[in-house]
Amino acid sequence: MEINWLTFFAQIVNFLILVVVLQRFLYNPIIRAMDRREQKISDRIQAAEKQREEAQAEAAKYRQMQQEFAAQREALFAEVKAEVEQTRKALIENIREEVDNTSRRWQEGIKRQQDAFMLELRHRASVQVQSAIRRALIDLANVDLEQQMIEVFIERIENLNECAIASLNHNSNPIVVCSSFEIQDETKPKIIQAVRDKIPSHINLEFATEPDLICGIELRASGYKLAWSMESYLDTLEESLSAIFEEETA
C-alpha cells in the first residue's frame, strides 16, 4: 500500500488547525468560564467564611455582653439586697428603740405614779398616826403625867455632858424653859436648882408655855436645846414609818 504523503501532511495540518481553532474558540472560553465560575465560588466561599467569622464574632460579643449583663445584674441584685437588708435592720432597730423608749417612758411614768402614790400614802398615814397619838396624849395628859415629865427633864439636866455645860456657860442670853403646860410655882425651884447646879454662871432663867409642844418640856439657849417631848418621839415615829414604807416600795 502506497502512502500519499501529501494527503498525510494535509491531514496533519488540518488537525493542527482544528486544535488551534478549538483551543481559541472552545477550550479557552470554557477554561475562562470555569476560572470565572471557580473565582465566583471562591469569592462566595470567602464571603461566606467572612460572614461566618463575623457571625461568630457577633455571637462572641453577644455572649460577652450577656456575661457582663449577668455580672452587672448579680452585682446590682447583691447591692439592692444589701441595701434592703440594711434598711430592714435599721427599721427593726428603730422600731426596737422606739418600743424600748416607749416602754421605758411608760415604766418611768408608772414608777413616778407609784412613788407619788406611796409618798402621799406615807404622808397621810404619818399624819393620821401622829394626829391620833397627839389627840390621845392630849386626852391622857394630867397632873401626874406632867409631874413625871418634869422629873425626867430634871434628870436630863443633871446628866448634861461637859460639852453641853461648856456651851451653856458661854451663853449670855437668858435660858428659857418652855413647856406645853403651865409649870406650877412649887415645881419651878426644882428646875432652877437643877440648872444652877450644872450652870452656876446663869441665874437668868425664864419659863414659857407653848401648847404646840405636845406633852413636852424644853430648855433653850442660843444654839442649844435640851428637850423631852412627845413631839420628838412622834418625829422618830415618822422617820421609822417613812423608812418602813421606803423598804416596802424599794
C-alpha atoms as a PDB file:
ATOM      1  CA  MET A   1       0.000   0.000   0.000  1.00  0.00           C
ATOM      2  CA  GLU A   2       1.418   3.279  -1.036  1.00  0.00           C
ATOM      3  CA  ILE A   3       1.196   6.272   1.389  1.00  0.00           C
ATOM      4  CA  ASN A   4       0.086   9.563  -0.025  1.00  0.00           C
ATOM      5  CA  TRP A   5       2.369  11.855   1.842  1.00  0.00           C
ATOM      6  CA  LEU A   6       0.665  14.947   0.569  1.00  0.00           C
ATOM      7  CA  THR A   7      -2.632  13.799   1.994  1.00  0.00           C
ATOM      8  CA  PHE A   8      -0.954  12.781   5.201  1.00  0.00           C
ATOM      9  CA  PHE A   9       0.640  16.140   5.730  1.00  0.00           C
ATOM     10  CA  ALA A  10      -2.559  17.854   4.716  1.00  0.00           C
ATOM     11  CA  GLN A  11      -4.450  15.926   7.393  1.00  0.00           C
ATOM     12  CA  ILE A  12      -1.801  16.816   9.991  1.00  0.00           C
ATOM     13  CA  VAL A  13      -2.093  20.469   9.065  1.00  0.00           C
ATOM     14  CA  ASN A  14      -5.884  20.212   9.215  1.00  0.00           C
ATOM     15  CA  PHE A  15      -5.631  18.598  12.650  1.00  0.00           C
ATOM     16  CA  LEU A  16      -3.307  21.293  13.934  1.00  0.00           C
ATOM     17  CA  ILE A  17      -5.582  23.952  12.531  1.00  0.00           C
ATOM     18  CA  LEU A  18      -8.523  22.224  14.209  1.00  0.00           C
ATOM     19  CA  VAL A  19      -6.635  22.092  17.513  1.00  0.00           C
ATOM     20  CA  VAL A  20      -5.772  25.811  17.261  1.00  0.00           C
ATOM     21  CA  VAL A  21      -9.333  26.691  16.338  1.00  0.00           C
ATOM     22  CA  LEU A  22     -10.781  24.547  19.158  1.00  0.00           C
ATOM     23  CA  GLN A  23      -8.301  25.946  21.649  1.00  0.00           C
ATOM     24  CA  ARG A  24      -9.047  29.507  20.642  1.00  0.00           C
ATOM     25  CA  PHE A  25     -12.762  29.336  20.263  1.00  0.00           C
ATOM     26  CA  LEU A  26     -13.723  26.456  22.535  1.00  0.00           C
ATOM     27  CA  TYR A  27     -11.178  25.444  25.169  1.00  0.00           C
ATOM     28  CA  ASN A  28     -10.071  28.927  26.193  1.00  0.00           C
ATOM     29  CA  PRO A  29     -13.645  30.258  26.665  1.00  0.00           C
ATOM     30  CA  ILE A  30     -14.546  27.131  28.578  1.00  0.00           C
ATOM     31  CA  ILE A  31     -11.415  27.426  30.761  1.00  0.00           C
ATOM     32  CA  ARG A  32     -12.065  31.137  31.297  1.00  0.00           C
ATOM     33  CA  ALA A  33     -15.663  30.392  32.125  1.00  0.00           C
ATOM     34  CA  MET A  34     -14.570  27.671  34.516  1.00  0.00           C
ATOM     35  CA  ASP A  35     -11.990  30.053  36.069  1.00  0.00           C
ATOM     36  CA  ARG A  36     -14.627  32.740  36.458  1.00  0.00           C
ATOM     37  CA  ARG A  37     -17.023  30.229  37.975  1.00  0.00           C
ATOM     38  CA  GLU A  38     -14.311  28.956  40.276  1.00  0.00           C
ATOM     39  CA  GLN A  39     -13.449  32.518  41.228  1.00  0.00           C
ATOM     40  CA  LYS A  40     -17.097  33.239  41.956  1.00  0.00           C
ATOM     41  CA  ILE A  41     -17.340  30.092  44.024  1.00  0.00           C
ATOM     42  CA  SER A  42     -14.134  31.069  45.836  1.00  0.00           C
ATOM     43  CA  ASP A  43     -15.457  34.593  46.392  1.00  0.00           C
ATOM     44  CA  ARG A  44     -18.710  33.202  47.686  1.00  0.00           C
ATOM     45  CA  ILE A  45     -16.822  30.817  49.937  1.00  0.00           C
ATOM     46  CA  GLN A  46     -14.648  33.680  51.237  1.00  0.00           C
ATOM     47  CA  ALA A  47     -17.725  35.855  51.690  1.00  0.00           C
ATOM     48  CA  ALA A  48     -19.483  33.044  53.498  1.00  0.00           C
ATOM     49  CA  GLU A  49     -16.361  32.466  55.634  1.00  0.00           C
ATOM     50  CA  LYS A  50     -16.191  36.165  56.370  1.00  0.00           C
ATOM     51  CA  GLN A  51     -19.862  36.220  57.269  1.00  0.00           C
ATOM     52  CA  ARG A  52     -19.342  33.149  59.417  1.00  0.00           C
ATOM     53  CA  GLU A  53     -16.418  34.820  61.180  1.00  0.00           C
ATOM     54  CA  GLU A  54     -18.447  37.990  61.600  1.00  0.00           C
ATOM     55  CA  ALA A  55     -21.350  35.924  62.909  1.00  0.00           C
ATOM     56  CA  GLN A  56     -19.015  34.144  65.301  1.00  0.00           C
ATOM     57  CA  ALA A  57     -17.571  37.493  66.387  1.00  0.00           C
ATOM     58  CA  GLU A  58     -21.074  38.867  66.892  1.00  0.00           C
ATOM     59  CA  ALA A  59     -22.037  35.714  68.771  1.00  0.00           C
ATOM     60  CA  ALA A  60     -18.932  36.006  70.959  1.00  0.00           C
ATOM     61  CA  LYS A  61     -19.674  39.686  71.515  1.00  0.00           C
ATOM     62  CA  TYR A  62     -23.266  38.837  72.367  1.00  0.00           C
ATOM     63  CA  ARG A  63     -22.152  36.125  74.764  1.00  0.00           C
ATOM     64  CA  GLN A  64     -19.700  38.574  76.386  1.00  0.00           C
ATOM     65  CA  MET A  65     -22.461  41.158  76.645  1.00  0.00           C
ATOM     66  CA  GLN A  66     -24.696  38.521  78.199  1.00  0.00           C
ATOM     67  CA  GLN A  67     -21.974  37.628  80.701  1.00  0.00           C
ATOM     68  CA  GLU A  68     -21.369  41.287  81.511  1.00  0.00           C
ATOM     69  CA  PHE A  69     -25.101  41.868  81.834  1.00  0.00           C
ATOM     70  CA  ALA A  70     -25.423  38.827  84.083  1.00  0.00           C
ATOM     71  CA  ALA A  71     -22.485  40.052  86.200  1.00  0.00           C
ATOM     72  CA  GLN A  72     -23.982  43.549  86.415  1.00  0.00           C
ATOM     73  CA  ARG A  73     -27.358  42.065  87.234  1.00  0.00           C
ATOM     74  CA  GLU A  74     -25.840  39.919  90.006  1.00  0.00           C
ATOM     75  CA  ALA A  75     -23.882  42.898  91.355  1.00  0.00           C
ATOM     76  CA  LEU A  76     -26.973  45.119  91.231  1.00  0.00           C
ATOM     77  CA  PHE A  77     -29.075  42.404  92.853  1.00  0.00           C
ATOM     78  CA  ALA A  78     -26.476  41.934  95.591  1.00  0.00           C
ATOM     79  CA  GLU A  79     -26.301  45.711  96.137  1.00  0.00           C
ATOM     80  CA  VAL A  80     -30.086  46.044  96.267  1.00  0.00           C
ATOM     81  CA  LYS A  81     -30.292  43.037  98.572  1.00  0.00           C
ATOM     82  CA  ALA A  82     -27.644  44.552 100.866  1.00  0.00           C
ATOM     83  CA  GLU A  83     -29.467  47.893 100.891  1.00  0.00           C
ATOM     84  CA  VAL A  84     -32.789  46.186 101.602  1.00  0.00           C
ATOM     85  CA  GLU A  85     -31.207  44.167 104.411  1.00  0.00           C
ATOM     86  CA  GLN A  86     -29.558  47.274 105.841  1.00  0.00           C
ATOM     87  CA  THR A  87     -32.825  49.190 105.624  1.00  0.00           C
ATOM     88  CA  ARG A  88     -34.671  46.293 107.254  1.00  0.00           C
ATOM     89  CA  LYS A  89     -32.154  46.134 110.085  1.00  0.00           C
ATOM     90  CA  ALA A  90     -32.307  49.917 110.519  1.00  0.00           C
ATOM     91  CA  LEU A  91     -36.111  49.816 110.617  1.00  0.00           C
ATOM     92  CA  ILE A  92     -36.072  46.935 113.098  1.00  0.00           C
ATOM     93  CA  GLU A  93     -33.518  48.778 115.246  1.00  0.00           C
ATOM     94  CA  ASN A  94     -35.546  51.989 115.102  1.00  0.00           C
ATOM     95  CA  ILE A  95     -38.714  50.116 115.997  1.00  0.00           C
ATOM     96  CA  ARG A  96     -36.891  48.318 118.829  1.00  0.00           C
ATOM     97  CA  GLU A  97     -35.510  51.610 120.138  1.00  0.00           C
ATOM     98  CA  GLU A  98     -38.932  53.235 119.878  1.00  0.00           C
ATOM     99  CA  VAL A  99     -40.530  50.304 121.695  1.00  0.00           C
ATOM    100  CA  ASP A 100     -37.787  50.389 124.355  1.00  0.00           C
ATOM    101  CA  ASN A 101     -38.166  54.154 124.767  1.00  0.00           C
ATOM    102  CA  THR A 102     -41.939  53.870 124.956  1.00  0.00           C
ATOM    103  CA  SER A 103     -41.672  51.020 127.435  1.00  0.00           C
ATOM    104  CA  ARG A 104     -39.100  52.916 129.491  1.00  0.00           C
ATOM    105  CA  ARG A 105     -41.239  56.073 129.495  1.00  0.00           C
ATOM    106  CA  TRP A 106     -44.271  54.003 130.427  1.00  0.00           C
ATOM    107  CA  GLN A 107     -42.378  52.275 133.242  1.00  0.00           C
ATOM    108  CA  GLU A 108     -40.962  55.599 134.424  1.00  0.00           C
ATOM    109  CA  GLY A 109     -44.466  57.078 134.384  1.00  0.00           C
ATOM    110  CA  ILE A 110     -45.816  54.108 136.346  1.00  0.00           C
ATOM    111  CA  LYS A 111     -42.862  54.397 138.758  1.00  0.00           C
ATOM    112  CA  ARG A 112     -43.488  58.113 139.248  1.00  0.00           C
ATOM    113  CA  GLN A 113     -47.171  57.452 139.852  1.00  0.00           C
ATOM    114  CA  GLN A 114     -46.311  54.678 142.296  1.00  0.00           C
ATOM    115  CA  ASP A 115     -43.773  56.879 144.068  1.00  0.00           C
ATOM    116  CA  ALA A 116     -46.229  59.763 144.225  1.00  0.00           C
ATOM    117  CA  PHE A 117     -48.959  57.448 145.495  1.00  0.00           C
ATOM    118  CA  MET A 118     -46.690  55.866 148.117  1.00  0.00           C
ATOM    119  CA  LEU A 119     -45.382  59.294 149.146  1.00  0.00           C
ATOM    120  CA  GLU A 120     -48.924  60.557 149.555  1.00  0.00           C
ATOM    121  CA  LEU A 121     -49.854  57.345 151.356  1.00  0.00           C
ATOM    122  CA  ARG A 122     -46.860  57.660 153.691  1.00  0.00           C
ATOM    123  CA  HIS A 123     -47.664  61.290 154.358  1.00  0.00           C
ATOM    124  CA  ARG A 124     -51.332  60.613 155.056  1.00  0.00           C
ATOM    125  CA  ALA A 125     -50.535  57.574 157.213  1.00  0.00           C
ATOM    126  CA  SER A 126     -47.922  59.526 159.138  1.00  0.00           C
ATOM    127  CA  VAL A 127     -50.263  62.466 159.612  1.00  0.00           C
ATOM    128  CA  GLN A 128     -53.092  60.203 160.715  1.00  0.00           C
ATOM    129  CA  VAL A 129     -50.865  58.283 163.140  1.00  0.00           C
ATOM    130  CA  GLN A 130     -49.361  61.463 164.587  1.00  0.00           C
ATOM    131  CA  SER A 131     -52.765  63.112 164.819  1.00  0.00           C
ATOM    132  CA  ALA A 132     -54.197  60.099 166.601  1.00  0.00           C
ATOM    133  CA  ILE A 133     -51.274  59.959 169.016  1.00  0.00           C
ATOM    134  CA  ARG A 134     -51.452  63.703 169.669  1.00  0.00           C
ATOM    135  CA  ARG A 135     -55.160  63.501 170.429  1.00  0.00           C
ATOM    136  CA  ALA A 136     -54.571  60.512 172.664  1.00  0.00           C
ATOM    137  CA  LEU A 137     -51.749  62.227 174.554  1.00  0.00           C
ATOM    138  CA  ILE A 138     -53.739  65.422 174.944  1.00  0.00           C
ATOM    139  CA  ASP A 139     -56.702  63.442 176.251  1.00  0.00           C
ATOM    140  CA  LEU A 140     -54.453  61.464 178.606  1.00  0.00           C
ATOM    141  CA  ALA A 141     -52.475  64.441 179.908  1.00  0.00           C
ATOM    142  CA  ASN A 142     -52.953  65.113 183.624  1.00  0.00           C
ATOM    143  CA  VAL A 143     -51.049  66.440 186.620  1.00  0.00           C
ATOM    144  CA  ASP A 144     -49.339  63.151 187.369  1.00  0.00           C
ATOM    145  CA  LEU A 145     -48.068  62.861 183.768  1.00  0.00           C
ATOM    146  CA  GLU A 146     -46.846  66.464 183.772  1.00  0.00           C
ATOM    147  CA  GLN A 147     -45.025  65.887 187.070  1.00  0.00           C
ATOM    148  CA  GLN A 148     -43.423  62.770 185.679  1.00  0.00           C
ATOM    149  CA  MET A 149     -42.232  64.713 182.619  1.00  0.00           C
ATOM    150  CA  ILE A 150     -40.690  67.353 184.865  1.00  0.00           C
ATOM    151  CA  GLU A 151     -38.851  64.655 186.824  1.00  0.00           C
ATOM    152  CA  VAL A 152     -37.481  63.149 183.630  1.00  0.00           C
ATOM    153  CA  PHE A 153     -36.490  66.623 182.391  1.00  0.00           C
ATOM    154  CA  ILE A 154     -34.647  67.410 185.644  1.00  0.00           C
ATOM    155  CA  GLU A 155     -32.849  64.061 185.363  1.00  0.00           C
ATOM    156  CA  ARG A 156     -31.700  65.002 181.862  1.00  0.00           C
ATOM    157  CA  ILE A 157     -30.399  68.350 183.141  1.00  0.00           C
ATOM    158  CA  GLU A 158     -28.445  66.539 185.841  1.00  0.00           C
ATOM    159  CA  ASN A 159     -26.937  64.241 183.183  1.00  0.00           C
ATOM    160  CA  LEU A 160     -25.725  67.019 180.875  1.00  0.00           C
ATOM    161  CA  ASN A 161     -22.324  66.258 179.346  1.00  0.00           C
ATOM    162  CA  GLU A 162     -19.304  68.549 179.618  1.00  0.00           C
ATOM    163  CA  CYS A 163     -19.678  69.857 176.071  1.00  0.00           C
ATOM    164  CA  ALA A 164     -23.274  70.948 176.690  1.00  0.00           C
ATOM    165  CA  ILE A 165     -22.350  72.530 180.030  1.00  0.00           C
ATOM    166  CA  ALA A 166     -19.492  74.493 178.421  1.00  0.00           C
ATOM    167  CA  SER A 167     -21.793  75.695 175.645  1.00  0.00           C
ATOM    168  CA  LEU A 168     -24.429  76.876 178.116  1.00  0.00           C
ATOM    169  CA  ASN A 169     -21.845  78.572 180.392  1.00  0.00           C
ATOM    170  CA  HIS A 170     -20.644  80.686 177.459  1.00  0.00           C
ATOM    171  CA  ASN A 171     -24.186  81.716 176.589  1.00  0.00           C
ATOM    172  CA  SER A 172     -25.006  85.320 177.546  1.00  0.00           C
ATOM    173  CA  ASN A 173     -28.733  85.162 176.787  1.00  0.00           C
ATOM    174  CA  PRO A 174     -31.335  84.044 179.290  1.00  0.00           C
ATOM    175  CA  ILE A 175     -32.129  80.355 179.455  1.00  0.00           C
ATOM    176  CA  VAL A 176     -35.787  79.645 178.690  1.00  0.00           C
ATOM    177  CA  VAL A 177     -37.694  76.609 179.882  1.00  0.00           C
ATOM    178  CA  CYS A 178     -40.681  76.012 177.584  1.00  0.00           C
ATOM    179  CA  SER A 179     -43.422  73.515 178.305  1.00  0.00           C
ATOM    180  CA  SER A 180     -46.730  72.501 176.775  1.00  0.00           C
ATOM    181  CA  PHE A 181     -48.386  73.004 180.172  1.00  0.00           C
ATOM    182  CA  GLU A 182     -48.064  75.604 182.900  1.00  0.00           C
ATOM    183  CA  ILE A 183     -45.438  74.597 185.441  1.00  0.00           C
ATOM    184  CA  GLN A 184     -46.633  75.024 188.994  1.00  0.00           C
ATOM    185  CA  ASP A 185     -44.867  77.561 191.184  1.00  0.00           C
ATOM    186  CA  GLU A 186     -43.839  74.931 193.704  1.00  0.00           C
ATOM    187  CA  THR A 187     -42.118  72.934 190.924  1.00  0.00           C
ATOM    188  CA  LYS A 188     -40.139  75.776 189.325  1.00  0.00           C
ATOM    189  CA  PRO A 189     -37.495  75.946 192.146  1.00  0.00           C
ATOM    190  CA  LYS A 190     -36.534  72.336 191.495  1.00  0.00           C
ATOM    191  CA  ILE A 191     -35.820  73.124 187.832  1.00  0.00           C
ATOM    192  CA  ILE A 192     -33.974  76.339 188.740  1.00  0.00           C
ATOM    193  CA  GLN A 193     -31.826  74.492 191.265  1.00  0.00           C
ATOM    194  CA  ALA A 194     -31.015  71.699 188.780  1.00  0.00           C
ATOM    195  CA  VAL A 195     -29.929  74.276 186.190  1.00  0.00           C
ATOM    196  CA  ARG A 196     -27.811  76.268 188.687  1.00  0.00           C
ATOM    197  CA  ASP A 197     -26.115  73.095 189.906  1.00  0.00           C
ATOM    198  CA  LYS A 198     -24.860  72.455 186.359  1.00  0.00           C
ATOM    199  CA  ILE A 199     -24.560  76.048 185.114  1.00  0.00           C
ATOM    200  CA  PRO A 200     -23.596  78.270 188.041  1.00  0.00           C
ATOM    201  CA  SER A 201     -22.874  81.265 185.836  1.00  0.00           C
ATOM    202  CA  HIS A 202     -26.523  81.554 184.754  1.00  0.00           C
ATOM    203  CA  ILE A 203     -29.033  82.988 187.153  1.00  0.00           C
ATOM    204  CA  ASN A 204     -31.467  84.290 184.493  1.00  0.00           C
ATOM    205  CA  LEU A 205     -33.971  81.530 183.919  1.00  0.00           C
ATOM    206  CA  GLU A 206     -37.329  82.174 182.281  1.00  0.00           C
ATOM    207  CA  PHE A 207     -40.411  79.980 181.941  1.00  0.00           C
ATOM    208  CA  ALA A 208     -42.800  79.966 178.997  1.00  0.00           C
ATOM    209  CA  THR A 209     -45.800  77.946 177.912  1.00  0.00           C
ATOM    210  CA  GLU A 210     -46.131  76.658 174.316  1.00  0.00           C
ATOM    211  CA  PRO A 211     -49.177  74.486 173.599  1.00  0.00           C
ATOM    212  CA  ASP A 212     -47.584  73.336 170.351  1.00  0.00           C
ATOM    213  CA  LEU A 213     -45.209  71.210 172.416  1.00  0.00           C
ATOM    214  CA  ILE A 214     -47.159  68.003 172.728  1.00  0.00           C
ATOM    215  CA  CYS A 215     -46.624  66.717 176.236  1.00  0.00           C
ATOM    216  CA  GLY A 216     -43.151  68.170 176.321  1.00  0.00           C
ATOM    217  CA  ILE A 217     -40.677  70.431 178.068  1.00  0.00           C
ATOM    218  CA  GLU A 218     -37.534  72.054 176.649  1.00  0.00           C
ATOM    219  CA  LEU A 219     -34.556  74.065 177.846  1.00  0.00           C
ATOM    220  CA  ARG A 220     -33.479  76.579 175.207  1.00  0.00           C
ATOM    221  CA  ALA A 221     -30.416  78.783 174.895  1.00  0.00           C
ATOM    222  CA  SER A 222     -28.702  80.363 171.931  1.00  0.00           C
ATOM    223  CA  GLY A 223     -27.622  77.480 169.695  1.00  0.00           C
ATOM    224  CA  TYR A 224     -28.568  74.757 172.177  1.00  0.00           C
ATOM    225  CA  LYS A 225     -31.754  72.894 173.124  1.00  0.00           C
ATOM    226  CA  LEU A 226     -32.388  70.174 175.663  1.00  0.00           C
ATOM    227  CA  ALA A 227     -35.816  68.672 175.089  1.00  0.00           C
ATOM    228  CA  TRP A 228     -38.094  65.932 176.231  1.00  0.00           C
ATOM    229  CA  SER A 229     -41.441  65.805 174.494  1.00  0.00           C
ATOM    230  CA  MET A 230     -43.759  63.510 172.710  1.00  0.00           C
ATOM    231  CA  GLU A 231     -43.027  65.591 169.577  1.00  0.00           C
ATOM    232  CA  SER A 232     -39.544  64.097 169.372  1.00  0.00           C
ATOM    233  CA  TYR A 233     -40.988  60.626 169.734  1.00  0.00           C
ATOM    234  CA  LEU A 234     -43.516  61.420 167.025  1.00  0.00           C
ATOM    235  CA  ASP A 235     -40.700  62.655 164.762  1.00  0.00           C
ATOM    236  CA  THR A 236     -38.847  59.410 165.404  1.00  0.00           C
ATOM    237  CA  LEU A 237     -42.041  57.502 164.664  1.00  0.00           C
ATOM    238  CA  GLU A 238     -42.495  59.429 161.406  1.00  0.00           C
ATOM    239  CA  GLU A 239     -38.922  58.661 160.350  1.00  0.00           C
ATOM    240  CA  SER A 240     -39.439  54.990 161.199  1.00  0.00           C
ATOM    241  CA  LEU A 241     -42.681  54.856 159.219  1.00  0.00           C
ATOM    242  CA  SER A 242     -41.023  56.546 156.250  1.00  0.00           C
ATOM    243  CA  ALA A 243     -38.138  54.085 156.379  1.00  0.00           C
ATOM    244  CA  ILE A 244     -40.542  51.152 156.533  1.00  0.00           C
ATOM    245  CA  PHE A 245     -42.560  52.441 153.558  1.00  0.00           C
ATOM    246  CA  GLU A 246     -39.376  53.029 151.568  1.00  0.00           C
ATOM    247  CA  GLU A 247     -38.217  49.473 152.252  1.00  0.00           C
ATOM    248  CA  GLU A 248     -41.600  48.103 151.211  1.00  0.00           C
ATOM    249  CA  THR A 249     -41.650  50.068 147.951  1.00  0.00           C
ATOM    250  CA  ALA A 250     -37.976  49.573 147.026  1.00  0.00           C
END
